Amino acid sequence: MDNNADMINLKRLIHNGKNKGYITFEELNDDLSDDFVSSEEHIDELMMMFQELDIMVIDDAAKKKIEKAKGGKGEGGKSRRERECIRRSCRGSLRGR
C-alpha cells in the first residue's frame, strides 16, 4: 500500500473513530500498510493523534465489553465512566509492540 492509500485509510479510521469513540488495534493493522504501522515513529504519532482526538485505541476484549454494555445496540455515545473503564482495562497492541 502506498502513502496515499494509507492517508485515505487513516482519514476513514479517524471518521469511524469519532463516530464510535474508539478504533481497534485490528482495524489499524488491517487498514494501514505494514510499513506504516511497523515504524516506531508512526506508531507514536498515531497514538498521540488519536488521544488528542479523544479516540480510544482498544483491543478486541475492550470492544466486546463496550458492545455488551450497550446490549448489542451500537458502539457510540459512551459515558466518561465507560471510557475510563475501557482505558484502564485495555492492554492491546499494534504489530511488534
N, C-alpha and C. Protein backbone atom coordinates (compact mmCIF):
# COMPACT_ATOMS: atom_id res chain seq x y z
N MET A 1 0.85 -1.17 0.00
CA MET A 1 0.00 0.00 0.00
C MET A 1 0.89 1.24 0.00
N ASP A 2 0.53 2.25 -0.77
CA ASP A 2 1.35 3.45 -0.83
C ASP A 2 0.89 4.47 0.21
N ASN A 3 1.67 5.54 0.35
CA ASN A 3 1.36 6.58 1.33
C ASN A 3 -0.02 7.19 1.11
N ASN A 4 -0.41 7.39 -0.15
CA ASN A 4 -1.71 7.96 -0.45
C ASN A 4 -2.83 7.05 0.07
N ALA A 5 -2.70 5.76 -0.15
CA ALA A 5 -3.71 4.82 0.33
C ALA A 5 -3.74 4.80 1.85
N ASP A 6 -2.58 4.88 2.50
CA ASP A 6 -2.53 4.94 3.96
C ASP A 6 -3.26 6.18 4.47
N MET A 7 -3.05 7.32 3.82
CA MET A 7 -3.70 8.56 4.25
C MET A 7 -5.21 8.48 4.08
N ILE A 8 -5.67 7.89 2.99
CA ILE A 8 -7.11 7.72 2.77
C ILE A 8 -7.69 6.82 3.86
N ASN A 9 -7.02 5.70 4.13
CA ASN A 9 -7.49 4.78 5.16
C ASN A 9 -7.42 5.42 6.55
N LEU A 10 -6.41 6.23 6.80
CA LEU A 10 -6.28 6.90 8.09
C LEU A 10 -7.44 7.88 8.29
N LYS A 11 -7.79 8.61 7.26
CA LYS A 11 -8.94 9.53 7.34
C LYS A 11 -10.22 8.77 7.66
N ARG A 12 -10.38 7.61 7.04
CA ARG A 12 -11.57 6.79 7.30
C ARG A 12 -11.56 6.28 8.74
N LEU A 13 -10.39 5.86 9.22
CA LEU A 13 -10.28 5.40 10.60
C LEU A 13 -10.63 6.52 11.58
N ILE A 14 -10.16 7.73 11.30
CA ILE A 14 -10.48 8.87 12.16
C ILE A 14 -11.99 9.13 12.15
N HIS A 15 -12.58 9.11 10.98
CA HIS A 15 -14.03 9.33 10.88
C HIS A 15 -14.79 8.28 11.68
N ASN A 16 -14.43 7.02 11.48
CA ASN A 16 -15.10 5.95 12.22
C ASN A 16 -14.84 6.05 13.71
N GLY A 17 -13.60 6.39 14.09
CA GLY A 17 -13.25 6.52 15.50
C GLY A 17 -14.03 7.64 16.18
N LYS A 18 -14.22 8.75 15.48
CA LYS A 18 -15.01 9.84 16.06
C LYS A 18 -16.46 9.42 16.25
N ASN A 19 -17.00 8.66 15.33
CA ASN A 19 -18.38 8.20 15.45
C ASN A 19 -18.57 7.21 16.58
N LYS A 20 -17.62 6.29 16.73
CA LYS A 20 -17.73 5.23 17.75
C LYS A 20 -17.09 5.62 19.07
N GLY A 21 -16.10 6.51 19.03
CA GLY A 21 -15.34 6.85 20.22
C GLY A 21 -14.08 6.01 20.37
N TYR A 22 -13.91 5.08 19.46
CA TYR A 22 -12.74 4.20 19.51
C TYR A 22 -12.50 3.57 18.15
N ILE A 23 -11.29 3.05 17.99
CA ILE A 23 -10.95 2.13 16.91
C ILE A 23 -10.18 0.99 17.55
N THR A 24 -10.11 -0.11 16.86
CA THR A 24 -9.39 -1.25 17.42
C THR A 24 -8.00 -1.37 16.80
N PHE A 25 -7.13 -2.04 17.54
CA PHE A 25 -5.80 -2.32 17.01
C PHE A 25 -5.92 -3.13 15.73
N GLU A 26 -6.90 -4.02 15.68
CA GLU A 26 -7.11 -4.83 14.48
C GLU A 26 -7.44 -3.96 13.28
N GLU A 27 -8.29 -2.95 13.48
CA GLU A 27 -8.63 -2.03 12.39
C GLU A 27 -7.38 -1.30 11.89
N LEU A 28 -6.54 -0.84 12.82
CA LEU A 28 -5.30 -0.18 12.41
C LEU A 28 -4.42 -1.12 11.60
N ASN A 29 -4.24 -2.32 12.12
CA ASN A 29 -3.38 -3.29 11.44
C ASN A 29 -3.93 -3.69 10.08
N ASP A 30 -5.25 -3.81 9.96
CA ASP A 30 -5.86 -4.22 8.70
C ASP A 30 -5.86 -3.10 7.66
N ASP A 31 -6.05 -1.85 8.11
CA ASP A 31 -6.26 -0.75 7.17
C ASP A 31 -5.01 0.02 6.79
N LEU A 32 -3.95 -0.09 7.59
CA LEU A 32 -2.72 0.62 7.27
C LEU A 32 -1.64 -0.37 6.85
N SER A 33 -0.75 0.07 6.02
CA SER A 33 0.28 -0.83 5.50
C SER A 33 1.22 -1.28 6.61
N ASP A 34 1.86 -2.43 6.40
CA ASP A 34 2.83 -2.95 7.36
C ASP A 34 3.95 -1.95 7.60
N ASP A 35 4.41 -1.30 6.54
CA ASP A 35 5.47 -0.31 6.69
C ASP A 35 5.04 0.83 7.60
N PHE A 36 3.79 1.23 7.48
CA PHE A 36 3.28 2.34 8.27
C PHE A 36 3.16 1.99 9.75
N VAL A 37 2.56 0.85 10.07
CA VAL A 37 2.34 0.50 11.48
C VAL A 37 3.54 -0.16 12.14
N SER A 38 4.57 -0.50 11.37
CA SER A 38 5.75 -1.10 11.99
C SER A 38 6.80 -0.05 12.36
N SER A 39 6.60 1.18 11.93
CA SER A 39 7.52 2.27 12.24
C SER A 39 7.22 2.82 13.63
N GLU A 40 8.21 2.80 14.53
CA GLU A 40 8.05 3.34 15.89
C GLU A 40 7.56 4.79 15.84
N GLU A 41 8.12 5.56 14.93
CA GLU A 41 7.75 6.97 14.81
C GLU A 41 6.27 7.10 14.44
N HIS A 42 5.82 6.32 13.46
CA HIS A 42 4.42 6.39 13.05
C HIS A 42 3.49 5.91 14.16
N ILE A 43 3.86 4.86 14.85
CA ILE A 43 3.02 4.35 15.94
C ILE A 43 2.84 5.41 17.01
N ASP A 44 3.93 6.03 17.43
CA ASP A 44 3.85 7.07 18.45
C ASP A 44 2.98 8.24 17.98
N GLU A 45 3.17 8.65 16.75
CA GLU A 45 2.38 9.75 16.19
C GLU A 45 0.90 9.38 16.12
N LEU A 46 0.61 8.16 15.69
CA LEU A 46 -0.78 7.71 15.62
C LEU A 46 -1.45 7.72 16.99
N MET A 47 -0.75 7.17 17.98
CA MET A 47 -1.34 7.08 19.31
C MET A 47 -1.58 8.47 19.90
N MET A 48 -0.65 9.38 19.71
CA MET A 48 -0.84 10.75 20.20
C MET A 48 -1.99 11.44 19.46
N MET A 49 -2.07 11.25 18.16
CA MET A 49 -3.13 11.86 17.37
C MET A 49 -4.50 11.36 17.82
N PHE A 50 -4.64 10.04 17.97
CA PHE A 50 -5.93 9.50 18.40
C PHE A 50 -6.29 9.98 19.80
N GLN A 51 -5.31 10.09 20.67
CA GLN A 51 -5.57 10.59 22.03
C GLN A 51 -6.05 12.04 21.98
N GLU A 52 -5.40 12.87 21.18
CA GLU A 52 -5.82 14.27 21.04
C GLU A 52 -7.22 14.40 20.46
N LEU A 53 -7.60 13.46 19.62
CA LEU A 53 -8.94 13.47 19.02
C LEU A 53 -9.98 12.79 19.91
N ASP A 54 -9.55 12.34 21.09
CA ASP A 54 -10.41 11.63 22.04
C ASP A 54 -10.98 10.35 21.42
N ILE A 55 -10.12 9.67 20.66
CA ILE A 55 -10.46 8.37 20.08
C ILE A 55 -9.60 7.33 20.78
N MET A 56 -10.25 6.40 21.46
CA MET A 56 -9.51 5.35 22.14
C MET A 56 -9.07 4.30 21.13
N VAL A 57 -7.90 3.75 21.33
CA VAL A 57 -7.42 2.63 20.54
C VAL A 57 -7.46 1.43 21.48
N ILE A 58 -8.33 0.48 21.16
CA ILE A 58 -8.63 -0.59 22.10
C ILE A 58 -8.41 -1.96 21.48
N ASP A 59 -8.34 -2.97 22.34
CA ASP A 59 -8.23 -4.34 21.85
C ASP A 59 -9.61 -4.96 21.71
N ASP A 60 -9.66 -6.16 21.21
CA ASP A 60 -10.92 -6.85 20.95
C ASP A 60 -11.73 -7.09 22.23
N ALA A 61 -11.04 -7.39 23.33
CA ALA A 61 -11.74 -7.64 24.59
C ALA A 61 -12.47 -6.39 25.07
N ALA A 62 -11.83 -5.23 24.94
CA ALA A 62 -12.48 -3.97 25.33
C ALA A 62 -13.66 -3.67 24.42
N LYS A 63 -13.53 -3.97 23.13
CA LYS A 63 -14.64 -3.76 22.19
C LYS A 63 -15.83 -4.62 22.59
N LYS A 64 -15.57 -5.86 22.98
CA LYS A 64 -16.66 -6.73 23.41
C LYS A 64 -17.33 -6.20 24.67
N LYS A 65 -16.55 -5.61 25.59
CA LYS A 65 -17.13 -5.01 26.79
C LYS A 65 -18.06 -3.86 26.43
N ILE A 66 -17.64 -3.05 25.47
CA ILE A 66 -18.47 -1.93 25.03
C ILE A 66 -19.77 -2.45 24.45
N GLU A 67 -19.65 -3.43 23.56
CA GLU A 67 -20.84 -3.98 22.91
C GLU A 67 -21.78 -4.62 23.93
N LYS A 68 -21.21 -5.30 24.91
CA LYS A 68 -22.03 -5.92 25.95
C LYS A 68 -22.73 -4.85 26.79
N ALA A 69 -22.01 -3.79 27.14
CA ALA A 69 -22.60 -2.70 27.92
C ALA A 69 -23.72 -2.01 27.16
N LYS A 70 -23.59 -1.96 25.84
CA LYS A 70 -24.61 -1.35 25.00
C LYS A 70 -25.74 -2.31 24.68
N GLY A 71 -25.62 -3.54 25.10
CA GLY A 71 -26.65 -4.53 24.80
C GLY A 71 -26.73 -4.86 23.33
N GLY A 72 -25.59 -4.71 22.64
CA GLY A 72 -25.55 -5.02 21.21
C GLY A 72 -26.24 -3.99 20.35
N LYS A 73 -26.55 -2.80 20.90
CA LYS A 73 -27.31 -1.79 20.16
C LYS A 73 -26.43 -0.72 19.52
N GLY A 74 -25.15 -0.93 19.44
CA GLY A 74 -24.28 0.08 18.83
C GLY A 74 -23.09 0.34 19.70
N GLU A 75 -22.21 1.21 19.19
CA GLU A 75 -20.93 1.40 19.86
C GLU A 75 -20.67 2.83 20.28
N GLY A 76 -21.39 3.80 19.76
CA GLY A 76 -21.11 5.20 20.07
C GLY A 76 -21.77 5.67 21.34
N GLY A 77 -21.49 6.93 21.72
CA GLY A 77 -22.17 7.55 22.84
C GLY A 77 -21.80 7.03 24.21
N LYS A 78 -20.55 6.66 24.40
CA LYS A 78 -20.13 6.13 25.69
C LYS A 78 -20.01 7.25 26.71
N SER A 79 -20.33 6.95 27.96
CA SER A 79 -20.16 7.91 29.03
C SER A 79 -18.69 8.04 29.39
N ARG A 80 -18.36 9.08 30.12
CA ARG A 80 -16.98 9.26 30.56
C ARG A 80 -16.54 8.08 31.40
N ARG A 81 -17.43 7.58 32.26
CA ARG A 81 -17.11 6.43 33.11
C ARG A 81 -16.77 5.20 32.27
N GLU A 82 -17.56 4.96 31.22
CA GLU A 82 -17.28 3.82 30.34
C GLU A 82 -15.92 3.97 29.67
N ARG A 83 -15.62 5.17 29.18
CA ARG A 83 -14.33 5.39 28.51
C ARG A 83 -13.17 5.17 29.46
N GLU A 84 -13.28 5.65 30.69
CA GLU A 84 -12.21 5.46 31.68
C GLU A 84 -12.04 3.98 32.01
N CYS A 85 -13.14 3.26 32.14
CA CYS A 85 -13.07 1.82 32.44
C CYS A 85 -12.35 1.09 31.31
N ILE A 86 -12.66 1.43 30.09
CA ILE A 86 -12.05 0.78 28.93
C ILE A 86 -10.57 1.13 28.86
N ARG A 87 -10.23 2.39 29.10
CA ARG A 87 -8.82 2.80 29.06
C ARG A 87 -7.99 2.01 30.06
N ARG A 88 -8.54 1.80 31.26
CA ARG A 88 -7.80 1.07 32.29
C ARG A 88 -7.68 -0.40 31.94
N SER A 89 -8.70 -0.97 31.32
CA SER A 89 -8.68 -2.41 31.05
C SER A 89 -8.01 -2.79 29.74
N CYS A 90 -7.83 -1.84 28.84
CA CYS A 90 -7.30 -2.13 27.52
C CYS A 90 -5.79 -2.32 27.56
N ARG A 91 -5.34 -3.45 27.06
CA ARG A 91 -3.90 -3.73 27.00
C ARG A 91 -3.51 -4.26 25.62
N GLY A 92 -4.17 -3.81 24.54
CA GLY A 92 -3.88 -4.29 23.20
C GLY A 92 -2.62 -3.69 22.63
N SER A 93 -2.26 -4.12 21.45
CA SER A 93 -1.05 -3.58 20.84
C SER A 93 -1.10 -3.65 19.33
N LEU A 94 -0.27 -2.83 18.72
CA LEU A 94 -0.05 -2.89 17.27
C LEU A 94 1.02 -3.93 17.01
N ARG A 95 1.20 -4.26 15.75
CA ARG A 95 2.24 -5.23 15.39
C ARG A 95 3.56 -4.84 16.02
N GLY A 96 4.19 -5.82 16.67
CA GLY A 96 5.52 -5.63 17.19
C GLY A 96 5.63 -4.78 18.43
N ARG A 97 4.52 -4.36 19.01
CA ARG A 97 4.58 -3.51 20.22
C ARG A 97 4.13 -4.28 21.41
